[in-house]
């Protein structure tokens, strides 16, 4: 039963990873050209090659496999298709499966709903990761719907908690910390230290973090992951001190780690170093 669920999540993750690729490209094209084109509609537009814009056939749309069979090239114009496409599909599938394997709460009716909302949220977060890595921007057209899903997740989690009022207060504290830190940095630096999109993302991730301690932890992990990636690149000359590095993906990765493992880590920290409630 467990293996069947994991297999289903992998298939769904691959399909939604393909959707993420299409969503990111279409939103960028619409934002770049500032014009409405039905072919670029996220809802009704058909999948197409990003180069020649030829409409793709069913055999071109199998996640990962189509890219491999076509050797990373468009069937029609033969131009190379970025390995980003299968990478995003595989990453989304891996996150879906990992979320089920390491889900931190016992399964129940409420947790089933929260888990489904989490998968939808992951899809939006993956789109933000890809967009920020490619174009150093967290577009509102993806961020706001993702925020709605995060808010729904927070409402369900708080309303089904053992002490709903405490859960609401904790979530409020998490949002204040998650977004407040980056909002202050954005205002103080006039947008030079941190982008406005990162501040908005911080509010959204705070809703999911659900407690002040978890918000602090995901911010710490984001800074740590960002340092682990950027410092080696600086050392080998791949980055310069003036280079702009997208921070949104690291915030999201920090939140994902906290969602799956944060409570265990915080409980260990409390038992080891703080014999009182965090």
C-alpha atoms as a PDB file:
ATOM      1  CA  UNK A   1       0.000   0.000   0.000  1.00  0.00           C
ATOM      2  CA  UNK A   2       2.789   2.410   0.954  1.00  0.00           C
ATOM      3  CA  UNK A   3       4.743   1.641  -2.215  1.00  0.00           C
ATOM      4  CA  UNK A   4       1.620   2.160  -4.298  1.00  0.00           C
ATOM      5  CA  UNK A   5       1.020   5.578  -2.715  1.00  0.00           C
ATOM      6  CA  UNK A   6       4.656   6.575  -3.283  1.00  0.00           C
ATOM      7  CA  UNK A   7       4.446   5.427  -6.918  1.00  0.00           C
ATOM      8  CA  UNK A   8       1.259   7.464  -7.415  1.00  0.00           C
ATOM      9  CA  UNK A   9       2.881  10.525  -5.854  1.00  0.00           C
ATOM     10  CA  UNK A  10       5.882  10.166  -8.168  1.00  0.00           C
ATOM     11  CA  UNK A  11       3.612  10.039 -11.216  1.00  0.00           C
ATOM     12  CA  UNK A  12       1.601  13.045 -10.012  1.00  0.00           C
ATOM     13  CA  UNK A  13       4.827  14.878  -9.152  1.00  0.00           C
ATOM     14  CA  UNK A  14       6.231  14.287 -12.635  1.00  0.00           C
ATOM     15  CA  UNK A  15       3.025  15.606 -14.216  1.00  0.00           C
ATOM     16  CA  UNK A  16       2.926  18.690 -11.979  1.00  0.00           C
ATOM     17  CA  UNK A  17       6.633  19.260 -12.564  1.00  0.00           C
ATOM     18  CA  UNK A  18       5.825  19.420 -16.265  1.00  0.00           C
ATOM     19  CA  UNK A  19       3.067  21.908 -15.427  1.00  0.00           C
ATOM     20  CA  UNK A  20       5.587  23.983 -13.450  1.00  0.00           C
ATOM     21  CA  UNK A  21       7.852  24.227 -16.492  1.00  0.00           C
ATOM     22  CA  UNK A  22       4.975  25.357 -18.699  1.00  0.00           C
ATOM     23  CA  UNK A  23       3.678  27.797 -16.089  1.00  0.00           C
ATOM     24  CA  UNK A  24       7.043  29.464 -15.543  1.00  0.00           C
ATOM     25  CA  UNK A  25       7.725  29.899 -19.260  1.00  0.00           C
ATOM     26  CA  UNK A  26       4.230  31.195 -20.045  1.00  0.00           C
ATOM     27  CA  UNK A  27       4.216  33.707 -17.184  1.00  0.00           C
ATOM     28  CA  UNK A  28       7.638  34.988 -18.223  1.00  0.00           C
ATOM     29  CA  UNK A  29       6.589  35.311 -21.856  1.00  0.00           C
ATOM     30  CA  UNK A  30       3.450  37.198 -20.887  1.00  0.00           C
ATOM     31  CA  UNK A  31       5.342  39.496 -18.528  1.00  0.00           C
ATOM     32  CA  UNK A  32       8.111  40.107 -21.082  1.00  0.00           C
ATOM     33  CA  UNK A  33       5.902  40.930 -24.067  1.00  0.00           C
ATOM     34  CA  UNK A  34       3.110  42.603 -22.059  1.00  0.00           C
ATOM     35  CA  UNK A  35       0.404  41.349 -24.351  1.00  0.00           C
ATOM     36  CA  UNK A  36      -2.370  38.817 -24.158  1.00  0.00           C
ATOM     37  CA  UNK A  37      -1.932  35.754 -26.306  1.00  0.00           C
ATOM     38  CA  UNK A  38      -4.384  32.886 -26.037  1.00  0.00           C
ATOM     39  CA  UNK A  39      -1.613  30.474 -26.968  1.00  0.00           C
ATOM     40  CA  UNK A  40       0.248  31.534 -23.815  1.00  0.00           C
ATOM     41  CA  UNK A  41      -2.751  31.111 -21.529  1.00  0.00           C
ATOM     42  CA  UNK A  42      -1.934  28.960 -18.512  1.00  0.00           C
ATOM     43  CA  UNK A  43      -5.511  27.637 -18.490  1.00  0.00           C
ATOM     44  CA  UNK A  44      -6.355  27.075 -22.153  1.00  0.00           C
ATOM     45  CA  UNK A  45      -3.044  27.254 -24.030  1.00  0.00           C
ATOM     46  CA  UNK A  46      -1.626  24.079 -25.571  1.00  0.00           C
ATOM     47  CA  UNK A  47       1.918  22.940 -24.851  1.00  0.00           C
ATOM     48  CA  UNK A  48       4.447  24.194 -27.390  1.00  0.00           C
ATOM     49  CA  UNK A  49       8.155  24.293 -28.126  1.00  0.00           C
ATOM     50  CA  UNK A  50       9.702  27.378 -26.463  1.00  0.00           C
ATOM     51  CA  UNK A  51      11.758  28.003 -29.637  1.00  0.00           C
ATOM     52  CA  UNK A  52       9.594  27.387 -32.702  1.00  0.00           C
ATOM     53  CA  UNK A  53       6.290  27.417 -30.759  1.00  0.00           C
ATOM     54  CA  UNK A  54       5.060  24.370 -32.624  1.00  0.00           C
ATOM     55  CA  UNK A  55       2.219  22.697 -30.752  1.00  0.00           C
ATOM     56  CA  UNK A  56       3.495  19.527 -29.096  1.00  0.00           C
ATOM     57  CA  UNK A  57       1.948  16.139 -29.717  1.00  0.00           C
ATOM     58  CA  UNK A  58       1.032  13.672 -26.957  1.00  0.00           C
ATOM     59  CA  UNK A  59       4.277  11.721 -27.407  1.00  0.00           C
ATOM     60  CA  UNK A  60       6.237  14.910 -26.742  1.00  0.00           C
ATOM     61  CA  UNK A  61       4.618  15.473 -23.349  1.00  0.00           C
ATOM     62  CA  UNK A  62       5.663  12.403 -21.350  1.00  0.00           C
ATOM     63  CA  UNK A  63       7.636  13.784 -18.400  1.00  0.00           C
ATOM     64  CA  UNK A  64      11.380  13.021 -18.576  1.00  0.00           C
ATOM     65  CA  UNK A  65      10.946  10.187 -21.096  1.00  0.00           C
ATOM     66  CA  UNK A  66      10.045  12.467 -24.016  1.00  0.00           C
ATOM     67  CA  UNK A  67      13.118  14.608 -23.353  1.00  0.00           C
ATOM     68  CA  UNK A  68      15.323  11.500 -23.233  1.00  0.00           C
ATOM     69  CA  UNK A  69      13.824   9.928 -26.364  1.00  0.00           C
ATOM     70  CA  UNK A  70      14.272  13.171 -28.290  1.00  0.00           C
ATOM     71  CA  UNK A  71      17.805  13.540 -26.891  1.00  0.00           C
ATOM     72  CA  UNK A  72      16.988  16.928 -25.473  1.00  0.00           C
ATOM     73  CA  UNK A  73      15.898  18.468 -28.775  1.00  0.00           C
ATOM     74  CA  UNK A  74      12.609  19.659 -30.226  1.00  0.00           C
ATOM     75  CA  UNK A  75      11.049  17.129 -32.606  1.00  0.00           C
ATOM     76  CA  UNK A  76      10.127  19.924 -35.029  1.00  0.00           C
ATOM     77  CA  UNK A  77      12.867  22.576 -35.049  1.00  0.00           C
ATOM     78  CA  UNK A  78      15.614  20.342 -33.569  1.00  0.00           C
ATOM     79  CA  UNK A  79      16.823  23.104 -31.259  1.00  0.00           C
ATOM     80  CA  UNK A  80      18.058  21.987 -27.829  1.00  0.00           C
ATOM     81  CA  UNK A  81      15.536  21.913 -24.987  1.00  0.00           C
ATOM     82  CA  UNK A  82      17.034  22.873 -21.638  1.00  0.00           C
ATOM     83  CA  UNK A  83      17.741  20.049 -19.164  1.00  0.00           C
ATOM     84  CA  UNK A  84      15.812  22.242 -16.738  1.00  0.00           C
ATOM     85  CA  UNK A  85      12.647  20.513 -17.952  1.00  0.00           C
ATOM     86  CA  UNK A  86      13.393  16.935 -16.834  1.00  0.00           C
ATOM     87  CA  UNK A  87      15.275  18.235 -13.769  1.00  0.00           C
ATOM     88  CA  UNK A  88      12.216  20.132 -12.512  1.00  0.00           C
ATOM     89  CA  UNK A  89       9.952  17.166 -13.208  1.00  0.00           C
ATOM     90  CA  UNK A  90      12.230  14.801 -11.290  1.00  0.00           C
ATOM     91  CA  UNK A  91      12.711  17.270  -8.424  1.00  0.00           C
ATOM     92  CA  UNK A  92       8.969  17.760  -8.016  1.00  0.00           C
ATOM     93  CA  UNK A  93       8.365  14.008  -8.031  1.00  0.00           C
ATOM     94  CA  UNK A  94      11.155  13.503  -5.479  1.00  0.00           C
ATOM     95  CA  UNK A  95       9.688  16.174  -3.188  1.00  0.00           C
ATOM     96  CA  UNK A  96       6.224  14.620  -3.389  1.00  0.00           C
ATOM     97  CA  UNK A  97       7.556  11.184  -2.467  1.00  0.00           C
ATOM     98  CA  UNK A  98       9.870  12.552   0.245  1.00  0.00           C
ATOM     99  CA  UNK A  99       7.002  14.510   1.778  1.00  0.00           C
ATOM    100  CA  UNK A 100       4.981  11.334   2.198  1.00  0.00           C
ATOM    101  CA  UNK A 101       7.899   9.279   3.496  1.00  0.00           C
ATOM    102  CA  UNK A 102       8.982  11.865   6.079  1.00  0.00           C
ATOM    103  CA  UNK A 103       5.635  13.489   6.883  1.00  0.00           C
ATOM    104  CA  UNK A 104       6.053  14.491  10.551  1.00  0.00           C
ATOM    105  CA  UNK A 105       2.475  14.060  11.815  1.00  0.00           C
ATOM    106  CA  UNK A 106       0.357  10.911  12.314  1.00  0.00           C
ATOM    107  CA  UNK A 107      -2.080  10.395   9.461  1.00  0.00           C
ATOM    108  CA  UNK A 108      -5.674  11.426  10.117  1.00  0.00           C
ATOM    109  CA  UNK A 109      -8.516  13.103   8.270  1.00  0.00           C
ATOM    110  CA  UNK A 110      -7.123  16.564   8.971  1.00  0.00           C
ATOM    111  CA  UNK A 111      -3.569  15.550   8.104  1.00  0.00           C
ATOM    112  CA  UNK A 112      -4.739  14.097   4.795  1.00  0.00           C
ATOM    113  CA  UNK A 113      -6.208  17.492   3.879  1.00  0.00           C
ATOM    114  CA  UNK A 114      -3.104  19.333   5.079  1.00  0.00           C
ATOM    115  CA  UNK A 115      -0.878  16.971   3.093  1.00  0.00           C
ATOM    116  CA  UNK A 116      -2.875  17.529  -0.107  1.00  0.00           C
ATOM    117  CA  UNK A 117      -2.657  21.297   0.399  1.00  0.00           C
ATOM    118  CA  UNK A 118       1.074  20.886   1.004  1.00  0.00           C
ATOM    119  CA  UNK A 119       1.492  19.159  -2.367  1.00  0.00           C
ATOM    120  CA  UNK A 120      -0.366  21.994  -4.105  1.00  0.00           C
ATOM    121  CA  UNK A 121       1.799  24.478  -2.216  1.00  0.00           C
ATOM    122  CA  UNK A 122       4.952  22.605  -3.269  1.00  0.00           C
ATOM    123  CA  UNK A 123       3.916  22.997  -6.896  1.00  0.00           C
ATOM    124  CA  UNK A 124       3.691  26.770  -6.514  1.00  0.00           C
ATOM    125  CA  UNK A 125       6.942  26.896  -4.563  1.00  0.00           C
ATOM    126  CA  UNK A 126       8.726  24.902  -7.276  1.00  0.00           C
ATOM    127  CA  UNK A 127       7.506  27.420  -9.865  1.00  0.00           C
ATOM    128  CA  UNK A 128       8.898  30.256  -7.732  1.00  0.00           C
ATOM    129  CA  UNK A 129      12.251  28.461  -7.354  1.00  0.00           C
ATOM    130  CA  UNK A 130      12.608  27.988 -11.103  1.00  0.00           C
ATOM    131  CA  UNK A 131      11.515  31.541 -11.936  1.00  0.00           C
ATOM    132  CA  UNK A 132      13.833  33.119  -9.369  1.00  0.00           C
ATOM    133  CA  UNK A 133      16.824  31.048 -10.444  1.00  0.00           C
ATOM    134  CA  UNK A 134      16.272  31.924 -14.108  1.00  0.00           C
ATOM    135  CA  UNK A 135      15.188  35.560 -13.933  1.00  0.00           C
ATOM    136  CA  UNK A 136      15.946  36.755 -10.371  1.00  0.00           C
ATOM    137  CA  UNK A 137      12.308  37.576  -9.757  1.00  0.00           C
ATOM    138  CA  UNK A 138       9.402  36.219  -7.719  1.00  0.00           C
ATOM    139  CA  UNK A 139       6.377  37.233  -9.824  1.00  0.00           C
ATOM    140  CA  UNK A 140       3.148  38.170  -8.068  1.00  0.00           C
ATOM    141  CA  UNK A 141       1.179  36.099 -10.576  1.00  0.00           C
ATOM    142  CA  UNK A 142       2.700  32.969  -9.046  1.00  0.00           C
ATOM    143  CA  UNK A 143       3.342  34.268  -5.528  1.00  0.00           C
ATOM    144  CA  UNK A 144      -0.224  35.395  -4.752  1.00  0.00           C
ATOM    145  CA  UNK A 145      -1.988  32.117  -5.656  1.00  0.00           C
ATOM    146  CA  UNK A 146       0.696  30.298  -3.674  1.00  0.00           C
ATOM    147  CA  UNK A 147      -0.064  32.604  -0.738  1.00  0.00           C
ATOM    148  CA  UNK A 148      -3.752  31.653  -0.925  1.00  0.00           C
ATOM    149  CA  UNK A 149      -2.850  27.956  -0.669  1.00  0.00           C
ATOM    150  CA  UNK A 150      -0.507  28.686   2.250  1.00  0.00           C
ATOM    151  CA  UNK A 151      -3.295  30.589   4.009  1.00  0.00           C
ATOM    152  CA  UNK A 152      -5.716  27.679   3.507  1.00  0.00           C
ATOM    153  CA  UNK A 153      -3.125  25.281   4.902  1.00  0.00           C
ATOM    154  CA  UNK A 154      -2.622  27.536   7.937  1.00  0.00           C
ATOM    155  CA  UNK A 155      -6.385  27.801   8.548  1.00  0.00           C
ATOM    156  CA  UNK A 156      -6.909  24.040   8.386  1.00  0.00           C
ATOM    157  CA  UNK A 157      -3.881  23.368  10.601  1.00  0.00           C
ATOM    158  CA  UNK A 158      -4.957  25.917  13.225  1.00  0.00           C
ATOM    159  CA  UNK A 159      -8.646  24.927  13.235  1.00  0.00           C
ATOM    160  CA  UNK A 160      -7.813  21.242  13.768  1.00  0.00           C
ATOM    161  CA  UNK A 161      -5.088  21.821  16.366  1.00  0.00           C
ATOM    162  CA  UNK A 162      -5.542  20.697  19.961  1.00  0.00           C
ATOM    163  CA  UNK A 163      -5.441  24.346  21.081  1.00  0.00           C
ATOM    164  CA  UNK A 164      -6.639  26.454  18.132  1.00  0.00           C
ATOM    165  CA  UNK A 165      -6.062  29.841  19.793  1.00  0.00           C
ATOM    166  CA  UNK A 166      -2.458  28.966  20.635  1.00  0.00           C
ATOM    167  CA  UNK A 167      -1.965  27.729  17.060  1.00  0.00           C
ATOM    168  CA  UNK A 168      -3.312  31.023  15.672  1.00  0.00           C
ATOM    169  CA  UNK A 169      -1.016  33.071  17.931  1.00  0.00           C
ATOM    170  CA  UNK A 170       1.978  30.915  16.995  1.00  0.00           C
ATOM    171  CA  UNK A 171       1.187  31.291  13.302  1.00  0.00           C
ATOM    172  CA  UNK A 172       0.909  35.073  13.703  1.00  0.00           C
ATOM    173  CA  UNK A 173       4.331  35.122  15.363  1.00  0.00           C
ATOM    174  CA  UNK A 174       5.760  32.940  12.602  1.00  0.00           C
ATOM    175  CA  UNK A 175       4.416  35.294   9.911  1.00  0.00           C
ATOM    176  CA  UNK A 176       5.781  38.364  11.698  1.00  0.00           C
ATOM    177  CA  UNK A 177       9.240  36.804  11.938  1.00  0.00           C
ATOM    178  CA  UNK A 178       9.191  35.142   8.511  1.00  0.00           C
ATOM    179  CA  UNK A 179       8.230  38.278   6.618  1.00  0.00           C
ATOM    180  CA  UNK A 180       9.181  41.001   9.079  1.00  0.00           C
ATOM    181  CA  UNK A 181      12.912  40.306   8.971  1.00  0.00           C
ATOM    182  CA  UNK A 182      13.057  40.685   5.199  1.00  0.00           C
ATOM    183  CA  UNK A 183      10.631  43.590   5.114  1.00  0.00           C
ATOM    184  CA  UNK A 184      12.887  45.539   7.495  1.00  0.00           C
ATOM    185  CA  UNK A 185      15.969  44.646   5.444  1.00  0.00           C
ATOM    186  CA  UNK A 186      14.181  45.702   2.261  1.00  0.00           C
ATOM    187  CA  UNK A 187      13.105  49.038   3.727  1.00  0.00           C
ATOM    188  CA  UNK A 188      16.431  49.851   5.408  1.00  0.00           C
ATOM    189  CA  UNK A 189      18.491  49.053   2.319  1.00  0.00           C
ATOM    190  CA  UNK A 190      15.982  50.490  -0.160  1.00  0.00           C
ATOM    191  CA  UNK A 191      15.895  47.108  -1.878  1.00  0.00           C
ATOM    192  CA  UNK A 192      19.683  46.727  -2.190  1.00  0.00           C
ATOM    193  CA  UNK A 193      20.139  43.916   0.337  1.00  0.00           C
ATOM    194  CA  UNK A 194      16.991  41.941  -0.312  1.00  0.00           C
ATOM    195  CA  UNK A 195      14.282  42.043  -2.954  1.00  0.00           C
ATOM    196  CA  UNK A 196      10.666  42.949  -2.359  1.00  0.00           C
ATOM    197  CA  UNK A 197       9.651  39.528  -3.613  1.00  0.00           C
ATOM    198  CA  UNK A 198      11.737  37.869  -0.904  1.00  0.00           C
ATOM    199  CA  UNK A 199       9.919  39.932   1.746  1.00  0.00           C
ATOM    200  CA  UNK A 200       6.533  38.843   0.336  1.00  0.00           C
ATOM    201  CA  UNK A 201       7.730  35.252   0.194  1.00  0.00           C
ATOM    202  CA  UNK A 202       8.788  35.468   3.837  1.00  0.00           C
ATOM    203  CA  UNK A 203       5.217  36.301   4.873  1.00  0.00           C
ATOM    204  CA  UNK A 204       3.917  33.328   2.873  1.00  0.00           C
ATOM    205  CA  UNK A 205       6.449  30.871   4.289  1.00  0.00           C
ATOM    206  CA  UNK A 206       5.728  32.120   7.791  1.00  0.00           C
ATOM    207  CA  UNK A 207       2.129  30.923   7.371  1.00  0.00           C
ATOM    208  CA  UNK A 208       3.430  27.420   6.734  1.00  0.00           C
ATOM    209  CA  UNK A 209       6.154  27.478   9.385  1.00  0.00           C
ATOM    210  CA  UNK A 210       3.348  27.950  11.948  1.00  0.00           C
ATOM    211  CA  UNK A 211       5.568  28.758  14.963  1.00  0.00           C
ATOM    212  CA  UNK A 212       8.148  31.488  15.644  1.00  0.00           C
ATOM    213  CA  UNK A 213      10.853  28.890  16.311  1.00  0.00           C
ATOM    214  CA  UNK A 214      10.253  27.195  12.948  1.00  0.00           C
ATOM    215  CA  UNK A 215      10.383  30.579  11.190  1.00  0.00           C
ATOM    216  CA  UNK A 216      13.744  31.328  12.786  1.00  0.00           C
ATOM    217  CA  UNK A 217      14.943  27.871  11.757  1.00  0.00           C
ATOM    218  CA  UNK A 218      13.956  28.150   8.086  1.00  0.00           C
ATOM    219  CA  UNK A 219      15.607  31.592   7.842  1.00  0.00           C
ATOM    220  CA  UNK A 220      18.774  30.169   9.414  1.00  0.00           C
ATOM    221  CA  UNK A 221      18.746  27.200   7.035  1.00  0.00           C
ATOM    222  CA  UNK A 222      18.205  29.501   4.054  1.00  0.00           C
ATOM    223  CA  UNK A 223      21.225  31.591   5.026  1.00  0.00           C
ATOM    224  CA  UNK A 224      23.278  28.438   5.593  1.00  0.00           C
ATOM    225  CA  UNK A 225      22.309  26.888   2.246  1.00  0.00           C
ATOM    226  CA  UNK A 226      22.941  30.169   0.452  1.00  0.00           C
ATOM    227  CA  UNK A 227      26.412  30.383   1.983  1.00  0.00           C
ATOM    228  CA  UNK A 228      27.232  26.761   1.155  1.00  0.00           C
ATOM    229  CA  UNK A 229      26.378  27.429  -2.493  1.00  0.00           C
ATOM    230  CA  UNK A 230      27.775  30.952  -2.966  1.00  0.00           C
ATOM    231  CA  UNK A 231      31.065  30.772  -1.038  1.00  0.00           C
ATOM    232  CA  UNK A 232      32.587  27.948  -3.150  1.00  0.00           C
ATOM    233  CA  UNK A 233      31.454  29.741  -6.331  1.00  0.00           C
ATOM    234  CA  UNK A 234      33.118  32.931  -5.099  1.00  0.00           C
ATOM    235  CA  UNK A 235      36.278  30.992  -4.280  1.00  0.00           C
ATOM    236  CA  UNK A 236      36.584  29.580  -7.810  1.00  0.00           C
ATOM    237  CA  UNK A 237      35.636  32.840  -9.503  1.00  0.00           C
ATOM    238  CA  UNK A 238      32.246  31.728 -10.817  1.00  0.00           C
ATOM    239  CA  UNK A 239      30.645  34.535  -8.811  1.00  0.00           C
ATOM    240  CA  UNK A 240      31.791  38.056  -8.033  1.00  0.00           C
ATOM    241  CA  UNK A 241      31.133  40.060  -4.885  1.00  0.00           C
ATOM    242  CA  UNK A 242      28.777  42.218  -6.913  1.00  0.00           C
ATOM    243  CA  UNK A 243      26.852  39.252  -8.352  1.00  0.00           C
ATOM    244  CA  UNK A 244      23.150  39.039  -7.582  1.00  0.00           C
ATOM    245  CA  UNK A 245      22.128  35.699  -6.081  1.00  0.00           C
ATOM    246  CA  UNK A 246      18.464  34.666  -5.867  1.00  0.00           C
ATOM    247  CA  UNK A 247      17.601  34.108  -2.213  1.00  0.00           C
ATOM    248  CA  UNK A 248      14.010  32.941  -2.719  1.00  0.00           C
ATOM    249  CA  UNK A 249      14.984  29.351  -3.622  1.00  0.00           C
ATOM    250  CA  UNK A 250      17.042  29.023  -0.448  1.00  0.00           C
ATOM    251  CA  UNK A 251      14.168  30.341   1.669  1.00  0.00           C
ATOM    252  CA  UNK A 252      11.863  27.781   0.081  1.00  0.00           C
ATOM    253  CA  UNK A 253      14.336  24.935   0.545  1.00  0.00           C
ATOM    254  CA  UNK A 254      14.765  25.953   4.171  1.00  0.00           C
ATOM    255  CA  UNK A 255      10.995  25.889   4.678  1.00  0.00           C
ATOM    256  CA  UNK A 256      10.673  22.437   3.067  1.00  0.00           C
ATOM    257  CA  UNK A 257      13.358  21.041   5.377  1.00  0.00           C
ATOM    258  CA  UNK A 258      11.641  22.610   8.392  1.00  0.00           C
ATOM    259  CA  UNK A 259       8.238  21.286   7.353  1.00  0.00           C
ATOM    260  CA  UNK A 260       9.529  17.705   7.223  1.00  0.00           C
ATOM    261  CA  UNK A 261      12.199  17.655   9.934  1.00  0.00           C
ATOM    262  CA  UNK A 262      11.956  20.903  11.879  1.00  0.00           C
ATOM    263  CA  UNK A 263       9.828  19.693  14.776  1.00  0.00           C
ATOM    264  CA  UNK A 264      12.182  16.778  15.423  1.00  0.00           C
ATOM    265  CA  UNK A 265      15.220  19.053  15.337  1.00  0.00           C
ATOM    266  CA  UNK A 266      13.619  21.634  17.613  1.00  0.00           C
ATOM    267  CA  UNK A 267      12.541  18.948  20.081  1.00  0.00           C
ATOM    268  CA  UNK A 268      16.111  17.587  20.159  1.00  0.00           C
ATOM    269  CA  UNK A 269      17.520  21.089  20.655  1.00  0.00           C
ATOM    270  CA  UNK A 270      15.100  21.749  23.486  1.00  0.00           C
ATOM    271  CA  UNK A 271      15.897  18.470  25.254  1.00  0.00           C
ATOM    272  CA  UNK A 272      19.626  18.992  24.843  1.00  0.00           C
ATOM    273  CA  UNK A 273      20.126  22.684  25.518  1.00  0.00           C
ATOM    274  CA  UNK A 274      16.878  24.216  26.800  1.00  0.00           C
ATOM    275  CA  UNK A 275      14.962  22.242  29.399  1.00  0.00           C
ATOM    276  CA  UNK A 276      12.008  24.633  29.013  1.00  0.00           C
ATOM    277  CA  UNK A 277       9.426  25.191  26.279  1.00  0.00           C
ATOM    278  CA  UNK A 278      10.632  27.037  23.168  1.00  0.00           C
END
